[in-house]
Amino acid sequence: MTGLANYHNGLAAEDAVELHYKRAGIEIFEERWRGAGGEIDLIGRDSDGLVFVEVKRSKTFARAAESLSRRQLSRIMLSAEDYVERMFPGQLVNMRIDLAMVDTSGQIKVLQNISIL
């Protein structure tokens, strides 16, 4: 698959995940937000706080999960902290980072509140 096709497949996966979150009652208000550590695919809010979402598309959920490196997760965490500092200066904010995986059939699986082990 070409780089352009991968890019468009990634955008389609992000759109599907955004709809998935909205149907679950989570307000999504930022897409592809760039912070100190790089891009965060989706940012939203649920009743518990902010939700930062990394979207991964792959043939299987296992491959999607494996494609998120420790380094990339560290960069996402840095960008999430940057977002909170910019948008909510001096405030304590509940937040989590989710990994939303999309397989080639369009099925979505979400791992909530992921962290570096």
PDB file of N, CA and C in Angstrom:
ATOM      1  N   MET A   1       0.846  -1.172   0.000  1.00  0.00           N
ATOM      2  CA  MET A   1       0.000   0.000   0.000  1.00  0.00           C
ATOM      3  C   MET A   1       0.896   1.240   0.000  1.00  0.00           C
ATOM      4  N   THR A   2       0.503   2.245  -0.734  1.00  0.00           N
ATOM      5  CA  THR A   2       1.312   3.453  -0.841  1.00  0.00           C
ATOM      6  C   THR A   2       1.154   4.334   0.386  1.00  0.00           C
ATOM      7  N   GLY A   3       2.065   5.283   0.518  1.00  0.00           N
ATOM      8  CA  GLY A   3       1.993   6.218   1.634  1.00  0.00           C
ATOM      9  C   GLY A   3       0.693   7.003   1.638  1.00  0.00           C
ATOM     10  N   LEU A   4       0.236   7.418   0.458  1.00  0.00           N
ATOM     11  CA  LEU A   4      -1.004   8.188   0.366  1.00  0.00           C
ATOM     12  C   LEU A   4      -2.206   7.333   0.768  1.00  0.00           C
ATOM     13  N   ALA A   5      -2.219   6.086   0.334  1.00  0.00           N
ATOM     14  CA  ALA A   5      -3.315   5.186   0.711  1.00  0.00           C
ATOM     15  C   ALA A   5      -3.309   4.944   2.217  1.00  0.00           C
ATOM     16  N   ASN A   6      -2.130   4.741   2.794  1.00  0.00           N
ATOM     17  CA  ASN A   6      -2.025   4.568   4.251  1.00  0.00           C
ATOM     18  C   ASN A   6      -2.537   5.796   4.981  1.00  0.00           C
ATOM     19  N   TYR A   7      -2.182   6.971   4.473  1.00  0.00           N
ATOM     20  CA  TYR A   7      -2.622   8.232   5.088  1.00  0.00           C
ATOM     21  C   TYR A   7      -4.150   8.306   5.095  1.00  0.00           C
ATOM     22  N   HIS A   8      -4.777   8.027   3.951  1.00  0.00           N
ATOM     23  CA  HIS A   8      -6.239   8.107   3.864  1.00  0.00           C
ATOM     24  C   HIS A   8      -6.915   7.017   4.698  1.00  0.00           C
ATOM     25  N   ASN A   9      -6.325   5.837   4.744  1.00  0.00           N
ATOM     26  CA  ASN A   9      -6.867   4.786   5.610  1.00  0.00           C
ATOM     27  C   ASN A   9      -6.784   5.196   7.077  1.00  0.00           C
ATOM     28  N   GLY A  10      -5.691   5.867   7.444  1.00  0.00           N
ATOM     29  CA  GLY A  10      -5.541   6.363   8.810  1.00  0.00           C
ATOM     30  C   GLY A  10      -6.590   7.405   9.154  1.00  0.00           C
ATOM     31  N   LEU A  11      -6.852   8.324   8.214  1.00  0.00           N
ATOM     32  CA  LEU A  11      -7.889   9.340   8.441  1.00  0.00           C
ATOM     33  C   LEU A  11      -9.263   8.691   8.582  1.00  0.00           C
ATOM     34  N   ALA A  12      -9.545   7.693   7.752  1.00  0.00           N
ATOM     35  CA  ALA A  12     -10.828   6.989   7.842  1.00  0.00           C
ATOM     36  C   ALA A  12     -10.954   6.279   9.190  1.00  0.00           C
ATOM     37  N   ALA A  13      -9.865   5.697   9.670  1.00  0.00           N
ATOM     38  CA  ALA A  13      -9.877   5.039  10.979  1.00  0.00           C
ATOM     39  C   ALA A  13     -10.144   6.059  12.081  1.00  0.00           C
ATOM     40  N   GLU A  14      -9.511   7.222  12.000  1.00  0.00           N
ATOM     41  CA  GLU A  14      -9.743   8.272  13.000  1.00  0.00           C
ATOM     42  C   GLU A  14     -11.199   8.716  12.987  1.00  0.00           C
ATOM     43  N   ASP A  15     -11.778   8.876  11.795  1.00  0.00           N
ATOM     44  CA  ASP A  15     -13.189   9.267  11.699  1.00  0.00           C
ATOM     45  C   ASP A  15     -14.095   8.212  12.329  1.00  0.00           C
ATOM     46  N   ALA A  16     -13.809   6.941  12.073  1.00  0.00           N
ATOM     47  CA  ALA A  16     -14.616   5.857  12.641  1.00  0.00           C
ATOM     48  C   ALA A  16     -14.503   5.832  14.165  1.00  0.00           C
ATOM     49  N   VAL A  17     -13.296   6.038  14.673  1.00  0.00           N
ATOM     50  CA  VAL A  17     -13.090   6.048  16.124  1.00  0.00           C
ATOM     51  C   VAL A  17     -13.790   7.252  16.750  1.00  0.00           C
ATOM     52  N   GLU A  18     -13.719   8.398  16.089  1.00  0.00           N
ATOM     53  CA  GLU A  18     -14.412   9.583  16.608  1.00  0.00           C
ATOM     54  C   GLU A  18     -15.909   9.305  16.738  1.00  0.00           C
ATOM     55  N   LEU A  19     -16.513   8.705  15.731  1.00  0.00           N
ATOM     56  CA  LEU A  19     -17.930   8.357  15.780  1.00  0.00           C
ATOM     57  C   LEU A  19     -18.201   7.348  16.902  1.00  0.00           C
ATOM     58  N   HIS A  20     -17.319   6.384  17.067  1.00  0.00           N
ATOM     59  CA  HIS A  20     -17.435   5.388  18.136  1.00  0.00           C
ATOM     60  C   HIS A  20     -17.477   6.073  19.511  1.00  0.00           C
ATOM     61  N   TYR A  21     -16.578   7.018  19.731  1.00  0.00           N
ATOM     62  CA  TYR A  21     -16.540   7.735  21.009  1.00  0.00           C
ATOM     63  C   TYR A  21     -17.785   8.600  21.190  1.00  0.00           C
ATOM     64  N   LYS A  22     -18.206   9.281  20.144  1.00  0.00           N
ATOM     65  CA  LYS A  22     -19.404  10.128  20.245  1.00  0.00           C
ATOM     66  C   LYS A  22     -20.626   9.292  20.601  1.00  0.00           C
ATOM     67  N   ARG A  23     -20.735   8.119  20.005  1.00  0.00           N
ATOM     68  CA  ARG A  23     -21.864   7.232  20.319  1.00  0.00           C
ATOM     69  C   ARG A  23     -21.813   6.758  21.764  1.00  0.00           C
ATOM     70  N   ALA A  24     -20.616   6.732  22.339  1.00  0.00           N
ATOM     71  CA  ALA A  24     -20.452   6.335  23.744  1.00  0.00           C
ATOM     72  C   ALA A  24     -20.642   7.522  24.690  1.00  0.00           C
ATOM     73  N   GLY A  25     -20.995   8.685  24.139  1.00  0.00           N
ATOM     74  CA  GLY A  25     -21.257   9.857  24.967  1.00  0.00           C
ATOM     75  C   GLY A  25     -20.039  10.694  25.287  1.00  0.00           C
ATOM     76  N   ILE A  26     -18.947  10.467  24.571  1.00  0.00           N
ATOM     77  CA  ILE A  26     -17.726  11.238  24.799  1.00  0.00           C
ATOM     78  C   ILE A  26     -17.642  12.337  23.755  1.00  0.00           C
ATOM     79  N   GLU A  27     -17.546  13.563  24.229  1.00  0.00           N
ATOM     80  CA  GLU A  27     -17.438  14.717  23.339  1.00  0.00           C
ATOM     81  C   GLU A  27     -16.007  14.800  22.806  1.00  0.00           C
ATOM     82  N   ILE A  28     -15.853  14.802  21.494  1.00  0.00           N
ATOM     83  CA  ILE A  28     -14.545  14.979  20.862  1.00  0.00           C
ATOM     84  C   ILE A  28     -14.474  16.418  20.369  1.00  0.00           C
ATOM     85  N   PHE A  29     -13.447  17.149  20.802  1.00  0.00           N
ATOM     86  CA  PHE A  29     -13.359  18.553  20.404  1.00  0.00           C
ATOM     87  C   PHE A  29     -12.034  18.951  19.776  1.00  0.00           C
ATOM     88  N   GLU A  30     -11.102  18.022  19.662  1.00  0.00           N
ATOM     89  CA  GLU A  30      -9.836  18.290  18.961  1.00  0.00           C
ATOM     90  C   GLU A  30      -9.487  17.074  18.117  1.00  0.00           C
ATOM     91  N   GLU A  31      -9.021  17.345  16.895  1.00  0.00           N
ATOM     92  CA  GLU A  31      -8.534  16.288  16.008  1.00  0.00           C
ATOM     93  C   GLU A  31      -7.132  16.655  15.551  1.00  0.00           C
ATOM     94  N   ARG A  32      -6.239  15.679  15.604  1.00  0.00           N
ATOM     95  CA  ARG A  32      -4.855  15.858  15.155  1.00  0.00           C
ATOM     96  C   ARG A  32      -4.209  17.108  15.773  1.00  0.00           C
ATOM     97  N   TRP A  33      -4.307  17.213  17.099  1.00  0.00           N
ATOM     98  CA  TRP A  33      -3.731  18.354  17.829  1.00  0.00           C
ATOM     99  C   TRP A  33      -2.235  18.140  17.992  1.00  0.00           C
ATOM    100  N   ARG A  34      -1.451  19.169  17.674  1.00  0.00           N
ATOM    101  CA  ARG A  34       0.006  19.074  17.770  1.00  0.00           C
ATOM    102  C   ARG A  34       0.491  19.760  19.030  1.00  0.00           C
ATOM    103  N   GLY A  35       1.249  19.001  19.824  1.00  0.00           N
ATOM    104  CA  GLY A  35       1.811  19.531  21.055  1.00  0.00           C
ATOM    105  C   GLY A  35       3.307  19.328  21.107  1.00  0.00           C
ATOM    106  N   ALA A  36       3.860  19.509  22.278  1.00  0.00           N
ATOM    107  CA  ALA A  36       5.313  19.455  22.483  1.00  0.00           C
ATOM    108  C   ALA A  36       5.915  18.118  22.057  1.00  0.00           C
ATOM    109  N   GLY A  37       5.175  17.040  22.204  1.00  0.00           N
ATOM    110  CA  GLY A  37       5.700  15.719  21.867  1.00  0.00           C
ATOM    111  C   GLY A  37       5.270  15.214  20.511  1.00  0.00           C
ATOM    112  N   GLY A  38       4.389  15.933  19.849  1.00  0.00           N
ATOM    113  CA  GLY A  38       3.882  15.492  18.555  1.00  0.00           C
ATOM    114  C   GLY A  38       2.367  15.545  18.526  1.00  0.00           C
ATOM    115  N   GLU A  39       1.796  14.760  17.623  1.00  0.00           N
ATOM    116  CA  GLU A  39       0.360  14.817  17.373  1.00  0.00           C
ATOM    117  C   GLU A  39      -0.425  13.851  18.256  1.00  0.00           C
ATOM    118  N   ILE A  40      -1.579  14.340  18.706  1.00  0.00           N
ATOM    119  CA  ILE A  40      -2.566  13.488  19.377  1.00  0.00           C
ATOM    120  C   ILE A  40      -3.747  13.387  18.421  1.00  0.00           C
ATOM    121  N   ASP A  41      -4.165  12.165  18.111  1.00  0.00           N
ATOM    122  CA  ASP A  41      -5.197  11.967  17.094  1.00  0.00           C
ATOM    123  C   ASP A  41      -6.529  12.598  17.476  1.00  0.00           C
ATOM    124  N   LEU A  42      -7.013  12.316  18.679  1.00  0.00           N
ATOM    125  CA  LEU A  42      -8.301  12.845  19.133  1.00  0.00           C
ATOM    126  C   LEU A  42      -8.201  13.245  20.597  1.00  0.00           C
ATOM    127  N   ILE A  43      -8.888  14.332  20.939  1.00  0.00           N
ATOM    128  CA  ILE A  43      -8.988  14.751  22.341  1.00  0.00           C
ATOM    129  C   ILE A  43     -10.460  14.990  22.626  1.00  0.00           C
ATOM    130  N   GLY A  44     -10.916  14.421  23.727  1.00  0.00           N
ATOM    131  CA  GLY A  44     -12.308  14.578  24.101  1.00  0.00           C
ATOM    132  C   GLY A  44     -12.472  14.646  25.604  1.00  0.00           C
ATOM    133  N   ARG A  45     -13.729  14.576  26.012  1.00  0.00           N
ATOM    134  CA  ARG A  45     -14.043  14.661  27.440  1.00  0.00           C
ATOM    135  C   ARG A  45     -15.209  13.733  27.739  1.00  0.00           C
ATOM    136  N   ASP A  46     -15.074  13.011  28.845  1.00  0.00           N
ATOM    137  CA  ASP A  46     -16.201  12.252  29.370  1.00  0.00           C
ATOM    138  C   ASP A  46     -16.487  12.760  30.774  1.00  0.00           C
ATOM    139  N   SER A  47     -17.340  12.083  31.506  1.00  0.00           N
ATOM    140  CA  SER A  47     -17.724  12.565  32.837  1.00  0.00           C
ATOM    141  C   SER A  47     -16.571  12.539  33.828  1.00  0.00           C
ATOM    142  N   ASP A  48     -15.515  11.776  33.537  1.00  0.00           N
ATOM    143  CA  ASP A  48     -14.373  11.676  34.452  1.00  0.00           C
ATOM    144  C   ASP A  48     -13.230  12.624  34.128  1.00  0.00           C
ATOM    145  N   GLY A  49     -13.207  13.195  32.932  1.00  0.00           N
ATOM    146  CA  GLY A  49     -12.118  14.100  32.573  1.00  0.00           C
ATOM    147  C   GLY A  49     -11.771  14.035  31.101  1.00  0.00           C
ATOM    148  N   LEU A  50     -10.553  14.458  30.794  1.00  0.00           N
ATOM    149  CA  LEU A  50     -10.088  14.491  29.410  1.00  0.00           C
ATOM    150  C   LEU A  50      -9.678  13.101  28.936  1.00  0.00           C
ATOM    151  N   VAL A  51      -9.890  12.861  27.643  1.00  0.00           N
ATOM    152  CA  VAL A  51      -9.528  11.591  27.024  1.00  0.00           C
ATOM    153  C   VAL A  51      -8.658  11.905  25.804  1.00  0.00           C
ATOM    154  N   PHE A  52      -7.423  11.416  25.820  1.00  0.00           N
ATOM    155  CA  PHE A  52      -6.502  11.571  24.699  1.00  0.00           C
ATOM    156  C   PHE A  52      -6.451  10.225  23.989  1.00  0.00           C
ATOM    157  N   VAL A  53      -6.692  10.237  22.680  1.00  0.00           N
ATOM    158  CA  VAL A  53      -6.844   8.983  21.941  1.00  0.00           C
ATOM    159  C   VAL A  53      -5.787   8.859  20.848  1.00  0.00           C
ATOM    160  N   GLU A  54      -5.069   7.751  20.869  1.00  0.00           N
ATOM    161  CA  GLU A  54      -4.165   7.379  19.784  1.00  0.00           C
ATOM    162  C   GLU A  54      -4.874   6.306  18.969  1.00  0.00           C
ATOM    163  N   VAL A  55      -4.998   6.534  17.663  1.00  0.00           N
ATOM    164  CA  VAL A  55      -5.679   5.602  16.772  1.00  0.00           C
ATOM    165  C   VAL A  55      -4.634   4.816  15.983  1.00  0.00           C
ATOM    166  N   LYS A  56      -4.773   3.504  15.972  1.00  0.00           N
ATOM    167  CA  LYS A  56      -3.882   2.630  15.213  1.00  0.00           C
ATOM    168  C   LYS A  56      -4.730   1.711  14.340  1.00  0.00           C
ATOM    169  N   ARG A  57      -4.398   1.666  13.056  1.00  0.00           N
ATOM    170  CA  ARG A  57      -5.091   0.785  12.120  1.00  0.00           C
ATOM    171  C   ARG A  57      -4.110  -0.279  11.649  1.00  0.00           C
ATOM    172  N   SER A  58      -4.567  -1.526  11.669  1.00  0.00           N
ATOM    173  CA  SER A  58      -3.717  -2.625  11.225  1.00  0.00           C
ATOM    174  C   SER A  58      -4.595  -3.815  10.854  1.00  0.00           C
ATOM    175  N   LYS A  59      -3.966  -4.859  10.332  1.00  0.00           N
ATOM    176  CA  LYS A  59      -4.728  -6.050   9.950  1.00  0.00           C
ATOM    177  C   LYS A  59      -5.441  -6.663  11.144  1.00  0.00           C
ATOM    178  N   THR A  60      -4.780  -6.666  12.290  1.00  0.00           N
ATOM    179  CA  THR A  60      -5.363  -7.257  13.499  1.00  0.00           C
ATOM    180  C   THR A  60      -5.190  -6.294  14.669  1.00  0.00           C
ATOM    181  N   PHE A  61      -5.983  -6.514  15.705  1.00  0.00           N
ATOM    182  CA  PHE A  61      -5.846  -5.692  16.911  1.00  0.00           C
ATOM    183  C   PHE A  61      -4.478  -5.895  17.547  1.00  0.00           C
ATOM    184  N   ALA A  62      -3.989  -7.122  17.523  1.00  0.00           N
ATOM    185  CA  ALA A  62      -2.676  -7.403  18.125  1.00  0.00           C
ATOM    186  C   ALA A  62      -1.582  -6.603  17.427  1.00  0.00           C
ATOM    187  N   ARG A  63      -1.614  -6.589  16.103  1.00  0.00           N
ATOM    188  CA  ARG A  63      -0.604  -5.811  15.369  1.00  0.00           C
ATOM    189  C   ARG A  63      -0.744  -4.318  15.641  1.00  0.00           C
ATOM    190  N   ALA A  64      -1.974  -3.856  15.753  1.00  0.00           N
ATOM    191  CA  ALA A  64      -2.192  -2.438  16.054  1.00  0.00           C
ATOM    192  C   ALA A  64      -1.601  -2.095  17.418  1.00  0.00           C
ATOM    193  N   ALA A  65      -1.849  -2.950  18.405  1.00  0.00           N
ATOM    194  CA  ALA A  65      -1.318  -2.706  19.749  1.00  0.00           C
ATOM    195  C   ALA A  65       0.204  -2.737  19.751  1.00  0.00           C
ATOM    196  N   GLU A  66       0.775  -3.683  19.028  1.00  0.00           N
ATOM    197  CA  GLU A  66       2.234  -3.805  18.973  1.00  0.00           C
ATOM    198  C   GLU A  66       2.895  -2.623  18.275  1.00  0.00           C
ATOM    199  N   SER A  67       2.147  -1.923  17.434  1.00  0.00           N
ATOM    200  CA  SER A  67       2.739  -0.813  16.678  1.00  0.00           C
ATOM    201  C   SER A  67       2.908   0.459  17.511  1.00  0.00           C
ATOM    202  N   LEU A  68       2.336   0.482  18.711  1.00  0.00           N
ATOM    203  CA  LEU A  68       2.519   1.634  19.599  1.00  0.00           C
ATOM    204  C   LEU A  68       3.765   1.398  20.447  1.00  0.00           C
ATOM    205  N   SER A  69       4.814   2.144  20.154  1.00  0.00           N
ATOM    206  CA  SER A  69       6.078   1.970  20.872  1.00  0.00           C
ATOM    207  C   SER A  69       6.080   2.746  22.185  1.00  0.00           C
ATOM    208  N   ARG A  70       6.990   2.372  23.058  1.00  0.00           N
ATOM    209  CA  ARG A  70       7.164   3.102  24.322  1.00  0.00           C
ATOM    210  C   ARG A  70       7.501   4.561  24.037  1.00  0.00           C
ATOM    211  N   ARG A  71       8.360   4.769  23.044  1.00  0.00           N
ATOM    212  CA  ARG A  71       8.763   6.137  22.696  1.00  0.00           C
ATOM    213  C   ARG A  71       7.556   6.951  22.220  1.00  0.00           C
ATOM    214  N   GLN A  72       6.730   6.359  21.360  1.00  0.00           N
ATOM    215  CA  GLN A  72       5.563   7.077  20.867  1.00  0.00           C
ATOM    216  C   GLN A  72       4.598   7.386  22.011  1.00  0.00           C
ATOM    217  N   LEU A  73       4.382   6.435  22.905  1.00  0.00           N
ATOM    218  CA  LEU A  73       3.495   6.679  24.038  1.00  0.00           C
ATOM    219  C   LEU A  73       4.057   7.776  24.929  1.00  0.00           C
ATOM    220  N   SER A  74       5.358   7.811  25.126  1.00  0.00           N
ATOM    221  CA  SER A  74       5.984   8.884  25.908  1.00  0.00           C
ATOM    222  C   SER A  74       5.734  10.235  25.264  1.00  0.00           C
ATOM    223  N   ARG A  75       5.812  10.289  23.938  1.00  0.00           N
ATOM    224  CA  ARG A  75       5.580  11.542  23.219  1.00  0.00           C
ATOM    225  C   ARG A  75       4.111  11.972  23.319  1.00  0.00           C
ATOM    226  N   ILE A  76       3.206  11.005  23.267  1.00  0.00           N
ATOM    227  CA  ILE A  76       1.783  11.314  23.425  1.00  0.00           C
ATOM    228  C   ILE A  76       1.533  11.865  24.821  1.00  0.00           C
ATOM    229  N   MET A  77       2.152  11.254  25.830  1.00  0.00           N
ATOM    230  CA  MET A  77       1.996  11.732  27.208  1.00  0.00           C
ATOM    231  C   MET A  77       2.524  13.161  27.345  1.00  0.00           C
ATOM    232  N   LEU A  78       3.653  13.444  26.711  1.00  0.00           N
ATOM    233  CA  LEU A  78       4.218  14.788  26.739  1.00  0.00           C
ATOM    234  C   LEU A  78       3.260  15.786  26.095  1.00  0.00           C
ATOM    235  N   SER A  79       2.680  15.430  24.967  1.00  0.00           N
ATOM    236  CA  SER A  79       1.727  16.316  24.300  1.00  0.00           C
ATOM    237  C   SER A  79       0.456  16.489  25.124  1.00  0.00           C
ATOM    238  N   ALA A  80      -0.003  15.425  25.784  1.00  0.00           N
ATOM    239  CA  ALA A  80      -1.190  15.527  26.640  1.00  0.00           C
ATOM    240  C   ALA A  80      -0.933  16.492  27.795  1.00  0.00           C
ATOM    241  N   GLU A  81       0.241  16.386  28.401  1.00  0.00           N
ATOM    242  CA  GLU A  81       0.603  17.316  29.480  1.00  0.00           C
ATOM    243  C   GLU A  81       0.686  18.743  28.951  1.00  0.00           C
ATOM    244  N   ASP A  82       1.236  18.918  27.755  1.00  0.00           N
ATOM    245  CA  ASP A  82       1.320  20.227  27.114  1.00  0.00           C
ATOM    246  C   ASP A  82      -0.083  20.798  26.900  1.00  0.00           C
ATOM    247  N   TYR A  83      -1.013  19.967  26.434  1.00  0.00           N
ATOM    248  CA  TYR A  83      -2.387  20.404  26.196  1.00  0.00           C
ATOM    249  C   TYR A  83      -3.029  20.899  27.492  1.00  0.00           C
ATOM    250  N   VAL A  84      -2.890  20.115  28.548  1.00  0.00           N
ATOM    251  CA  VAL A  84      -3.487  20.490  29.836  1.00  0.00           C
ATOM    252  C   VAL A  84      -2.882  21.795  30.347  1.00  0.00           C
ATOM    253  N   GLU A  85      -1.563  21.940  30.231  1.00  0.00           N
ATOM    254  CA  GLU A  85      -0.909  23.172  30.690  1.00  0.00           C
ATOM    255  C   GLU A  85      -1.378  24.391  29.906  1.00  0.00           C
ATOM    256  N   ARG A  86      -1.600  24.228  28.605  1.00  0.00           N
ATOM    257  CA  ARG A  86      -2.051  25.355  27.775  1.00  0.00           C
ATOM    258  C   ARG A  86      -3.513  25.704  28.008  1.00  0.00           C
ATOM    259  N   MET A  87      -4.356  24.683  28.076  1.00  0.00           N
ATOM    260  CA  MET A  87      -5.800  24.905  28.125  1.00  0.00           C
ATOM    261  C   MET A  87      -6.354  25.067  29.540  1.00  0.00           C
ATOM    262  N   PHE A  88      -5.655  24.509  30.518  1.00  0.00           N
ATOM    263  CA  PHE A  88      -6.126  24.547  31.903  1.00  0.00           C
ATOM    264  C   PHE A  88      -4.975  24.917  32.832  1.00  0.00           C
ATOM    265  N   PRO A  89      -4.356  26.079  32.616  1.00  0.00           N
ATOM    266  CA  PRO A  89      -3.158  26.428  33.402  1.00  0.00           C
ATOM    267  C   PRO A  89      -3.445  26.461  34.905  1.00  0.00           C
ATOM    268  N   GLY A  90      -2.583  25.788  35.654  1.00  0.00           N
ATOM    269  CA  GLY A  90      -2.680  25.798  37.107  1.00  0.00           C
ATOM    270  C   GLY A  90      -3.788  24.938  37.681  1.00  0.00           C
ATOM    271  N   GLN A  91      -4.503  24.198  36.837  1.00  0.00           N
ATOM    272  CA  GLN A  91      -5.610  23.378  37.320  1.00  0.00           C
ATOM    273  C   GLN A  91      -5.223  21.901  37.349  1.00  0.00           C
ATOM    274  N   LEU A  92      -5.800  21.186  38.290  1.00  0.00           N
ATOM    275  CA  LEU A  92      -5.667  19.730  38.301  1.00  0.00           C
ATOM    276  C   LEU A  92      -6.759  19.162  37.401  1.00  0.00           C
ATOM    277  N   VAL A  93      -6.370  18.345  36.456  1.00  0.00           N
ATOM    278  CA  VAL A  93      -7.315  17.819  35.477  1.00  0.00           C
ATOM    279  C   VAL A  93      -7.173  16.299  35.409  1.00  0.00           C
ATOM    280  N   ASN A  94      -8.291  15.595  35.566  1.00  0.00           N
ATOM    281  CA  ASN A  94      -8.278  14.148  35.358  1.00  0.00           C
ATOM    282  C   ASN A  94      -8.119  13.879  33.872  1.00  0.00           C
ATOM    283  N   MET A  95      -7.283  12.903  33.538  1.00  0.00           N
ATOM    284  CA  MET A  95      -7.084  12.573  32.134  1.00  0.00           C
ATOM    285  C   MET A  95      -6.672  11.123  31.995  1.00  0.00           C
ATOM    286  N   ARG A  96      -6.895  10.616  30.788  1.00  0.00           N
ATOM    287  CA  ARG A  96      -6.437   9.268  30.470  1.00  0.00           C
ATOM    288  C   ARG A  96      -6.017   9.241  29.006  1.00  0.00           C
ATOM    289  N   ILE A  97      -5.224   8.239  28.669  1.00  0.00           N
ATOM    290  CA  ILE A  97      -4.822   8.016  27.284  1.00  0.00           C
ATOM    291  C   ILE A  97      -5.376   6.659  26.867  1.00  0.00           C
ATOM    292  N   ASP A  98      -6.109   6.664  25.755  1.00  0.00           N
ATOM    293  CA  ASP A  98      -6.685   5.437  25.215  1.00  0.00           C
ATOM    294  C   ASP A  98      -5.981   5.063  23.917  1.00  0.00           C
ATOM    295  N   LEU A  99      -5.900   3.780  23.655  1.00  0.00           N
ATOM    296  CA  LEU A  99      -5.453   3.276  22.365  1.00  0.00           C
ATOM    297  C   LEU A  99      -6.678   2.696  21.672  1.00  0.00           C
ATOM    298  N   ALA A 100      -7.069   3.314  20.563  1.00  0.00           N
ATOM    299  CA  ALA A 100      -8.203   2.834  19.777  1.00  0.00           C
ATOM    300  C   ALA A 100      -7.652   2.118  18.549  1.00  0.00           C
ATOM    301  N   MET A 101      -7.967   0.850  18.427  1.00  0.00           N
ATOM    302  CA  MET A 101      -7.437   0.026  17.342  1.00  0.00           C
ATOM    303  C   MET A 101      -8.548  -0.294  16.351  1.00  0.00           C
ATOM    304  N   VAL A 102      -8.206  -0.194  15.078  1.00  0.00           N
ATOM    305  CA  VAL A 102      -9.156  -0.478  14.007  1.00  0.00           C
ATOM    306  C   VAL A 102      -8.535  -1.547  13.118  1.00  0.00           C
ATOM    307  N   ASP A 103      -9.273  -2.647  12.909  1.00  0.00           N
ATOM    308  CA  ASP A 103      -8.736  -3.679  12.018  1.00  0.00           C
ATOM    309  C   ASP A 103      -9.219  -3.426  10.589  1.00  0.00           C
ATOM    310  N   THR A 104      -8.775  -4.257   9.661  1.00  0.00           N
ATOM    311  CA  THR A 104      -9.092  -4.017   8.252  1.00  0.00           C
ATOM    312  C   THR A 104     -10.570  -4.198   7.926  1.00  0.00           C
ATOM    313  N   SER A 105     -11.323  -4.874   8.793  1.00  0.00           N
ATOM    314  CA  SER A 105     -12.768  -5.000   8.568  1.00  0.00           C
ATOM    315  C   SER A 105     -13.536  -3.814   9.144  1.00  0.00           C
ATOM    316  N   GLY A 106     -12.824  -2.899   9.813  1.00  0.00           N
ATOM    317  CA  GLY A 106     -13.469  -1.716  10.378  1.00  0.00           C
ATOM    318  C   GLY A 106     -13.919  -1.878  11.816  1.00  0.00           C
ATOM    319  N   GLN A 107     -13.658  -3.035  12.409  1.00  0.00           N
ATOM    320  CA  GLN A 107     -14.002  -3.243  13.816  1.00  0.00           C
ATOM    321  C   GLN A 107     -13.091  -2.389  14.692  1.00  0.00           C
ATOM    322  N   ILE A 108     -13.632  -1.919  15.807  1.00  0.00           N
ATOM    323  CA  ILE A 108     -12.889  -1.036  16.710  1.00  0.00           C
ATOM    324  C   ILE A 108     -12.801  -1.685  18.084  1.00  0.00           C
ATOM    325  N   LYS A 109     -11.615  -1.630  18.656  1.00  0.00           N
ATOM    326  CA  LYS A 109     -11.392  -2.093  20.030  1.00  0.00           C
ATOM    327  C   LYS A 109     -10.595  -1.005  20.736  1.00  0.00           C
ATOM    328  N   VAL A 110     -11.011  -0.654  21.947  1.00  0.00           N
ATOM    329  CA  VAL A 110     -10.364   0.425  22.694  1.00  0.00           C
ATOM    330  C   VAL A 110      -9.756  -0.122  23.981  1.00  0.00           C
ATOM    331  N   LEU A 111      -8.492   0.202  24.197  1.00  0.00           N
ATOM    332  CA  LEU A 111      -7.834  -0.052  25.478  1.00  0.00           C
ATOM    333  C   LEU A 111      -7.781   1.280  26.206  1.00  0.00           C
ATOM    334  N   GLN A 112      -8.492   1.370  27.324  1.00  0.00           N
ATOM    335  CA  GLN A 112      -8.563   2.630  28.062  1.00  0.00           C
ATOM    336  C   GLN A 112      -7.426   2.755  29.061  1.00  0.00           C
ATOM    337  N   ASN A 113      -7.006   4.001  29.241  1.00  0.00           N
ATOM    338  CA  ASN A 113      -6.056   4.359  30.289  1.00  0.00           C
ATOM    339  C   ASN A 113      -4.754   3.563  30.186  1.00  0.00           C
ATOM    340  N   ILE A 114      -4.167   3.580  29.006  1.00  0.00           N
ATOM    341  CA  ILE A 114      -2.901   2.868  28.806  1.00  0.00           C
ATOM    342  C   ILE A 114      -1.765   3.663  29.428  1.00  0.00           C
ATOM    343  N   SER A 115      -0.680   2.979  29.723  1.00  0.00           N
ATOM    344  CA  SER A 115       0.488   3.647  30.298  1.00  0.00           C
ATOM    345  C   SER A 115       1.739   2.875  29.918  1.00  0.00           C
ATOM    346  N   ILE A 116       2.871   3.459  30.217  1.00  0.00           N
ATOM    347  CA  ILE A 116       4.147   2.804  29.957  1.00  0.00           C
ATOM    348  C   ILE A 116       4.409   1.825  31.089  1.00  0.00           C
ATOM    349  N   LEU A 117       4.683   0.595  30.746  1.00  0.00           N
ATOM    350  CA  LEU A 117       4.964  -0.424  31.768  1.00  0.00           C
ATOM    351  C   LEU A 117       6.436  -0.491  32.060  1.00  0.00           C
TER     352      LEU A 117
END
